[in-house]
Amino acid sequence: MASAKKKGNKPEISSKAVYQENKYINYAVLFLFAVFLCYFTTFKITGDDDVFWHLATGKYIVNTGHVPDTDIFGYMTEGQQWMPFEWGWDVITYGVYSVSGYTGISILRTVILLLFFGILYYILQRFKVGFALSVFLLLILSFSIIDRLTPRPHLMSYLFFALLLLIITNYRYFNRKNHKILYFIPLIFLLWANTHMGIIAGGFLMVIYFAGELIQYLKPSAYSGSKIPALGKPEITRLFIILAASALVMLINPNFLQTYIYAYDHTKMKMLETVNEWKSPFSSTSGDGFVLLLYKGQLFIGLLILYYSLKKKDIFPALLYIGFALYSVRAMRFTVDYVIITFVFIAVSLDFIINSVKSEELKNIINKKPGLKILSGLLIIFLIYSLSGDKLYLEYLKYYRVSGLGINKDFIPVQMFDFMRQNQIPETGERIFNHFGTGGFFVWNFPDRKNFIDSRNLNDDIFNKYNNIIAKRPGFEKKLEEYNIDYALYLAPDLVRDPSEMEKTVISFFCKSPDWKLLFWDDKSFLWVKNLPKFQTLISKYEYKYLSPYTFMYQRTIIDKGINEDKEKLRSEINRRISEDPESFVLNSVLKQYGKRINNK
């Protein structure tokens, strides 16, 4: 309402009227943001083999009623220690898949992330952060976590982070008397202990929160204000008991304390030095992608939290920023935790600075007037439109992701696995050598068979054995014999973009060795079987003697031989590829160069 001064019996309207914001614009922009999130979180599974071994684990647990403590998926690592500490997620997602397939898993992901963003928005509203600023920062957050939107168990950690922040901020800043809300924290930790190891970061958050309250209790004159009174001894004691209870319920999992010892030992593997997400975000080899730049920007902007804490005499946000900033520089995978956990106080700090300016007009423009809100809505409409045609990913961000449901067959070897299933190759063969990025998909598709390796990263030994074969290191041929491998597959999603991978890896060995026969290939994958009697029927029916990506790039004399000496066989190989994949880049490259000679009778 406009302020008024009395002059006699008549009110006089002040020249400094308070601007009333239009709530309907807010509702419209929120609706658009929700639609954006639905599009943003609905994309096909691409190059994420973890999804499949999680599903396979869930299926095993549901079918057997047992959470394994040794490896059940690999013949090279059979019986070795393996603790699927994310078993709760595995069971949930397998249950969802059983009812509604990959579509259900995608919907589950979207629901979790809608809840996550909804909780954070609600917290910002409790702090009365300006609407336009809130929406803008939520958009930034969505792009900051773009790499971590896959349907895997870390999504549960993000939801639990948001719930912890909701409980902590509600109790600390808005209702000190409502201590009952704190009793939900041990329940959260109980669920968390069986879904994702992000619980360690959750525990760190709780320790920081308790430390902040304890410091305020011990030094009330330095760190207390009228709006955030220090807790008394009974309240501090209660909070400590809740913290202790949360730590204790973390042990309620299939392997108790051993779960965390196993997870810690897991982080010490040498192989993780080769995995990008385990490198420091400030490593020279971490790259400079837009996600990393967003993290570094938020790490710098987070310094505003220190200013806010100083002005408000509120030590908790400062401890939170310092603690998780130091935590995040250890590895790329921890940067998202920092971005999420400091998000609320970065927003609150920015809003505090905006509202510290003297100009009421400027504050109204930022916080209440419709201009920035309408611009936000238009930006979100643009993002929705860009997502619907994948322009946002492929053209603007140069980021390979395809909107939709199910599996991205350009990156997951669905066609090759269909061929394997139709021709019962896993049943005929005994031991597979599989590419690292296909082990999960293999055990998901063939639950009665065991793989060579998968992305669970069980130990350094199996990873070194795998790398020795992949890189064709001295003695690798003997290892293939020693391990009794009789069929092999290789996934090369970048084959068309970087064909040199074929020459650098074991692909070249399998393609050139007379002891191995190529039965299937497409623009991303290869399948070979050993030249053994049990495979002879398949070899006579399906062998590619002349046509393959490798012969086209590195052995064109073989294609020439096919044209000159065995044209009918070469034509049958071409016709097979045309029937299976007429859009094949490799196939059409061959036809462009050799078409006239092949068709010439």
Foldseek 3Di string as FASTA:
>chain_A
DFDWDDDPNDTDGDPPGDDFFDVVLLVLLVVLVLLLLLLLLFFFDFLDLVVQLLLLQLVVCVVPVDQDQADDFAPVRGRHGDGPLQNVLSVVVNVQCVPPNQVSLSVVLSVLVVLLLVLLLVLLVVLVQFSLLSLVLSVLLSVLCSVPSPSALVSLVSSLLSLVVSLLCCCQQPNVPPCVSLLCLLVSLLVVLRRDPSVVVVLVLLVLSLVQLVVCAVVVVQQHDPRGHRDDPVVNVVSVVSSVSSVCSSQPDPHGPVVVVLVVVLLVFPVCVVPLQQAFLPDPPNDDAPSSVSLVVCLVLLVLLVVVCNVNSRCSLVSLSVVLSVVRRRGNNSSSVNCSNNSSSSSSSVSVVQVVDPDPVSNCVRRGDCPSSVVSSVVSVVSSVCSVVVCVACPVRVHDIHGHTYHDCLRAVPVVVVVCVVVVVCVLWAAEAEDQSCSSVVCSSPVVHHHQHYDPCNHNVSVVLSVCQFQVPPPNVVVCVVVVHFKYKYFASCCVVDVCSCVRTCVVVQLPDPQKFWQDDASTMTIIGGPDPSCVVSCVVGTDQQDDLCCVVPNVVSVVCCLVPPLVSNVVNLVVCCVVPVPGPRSVVCCVVCVVSSPPD
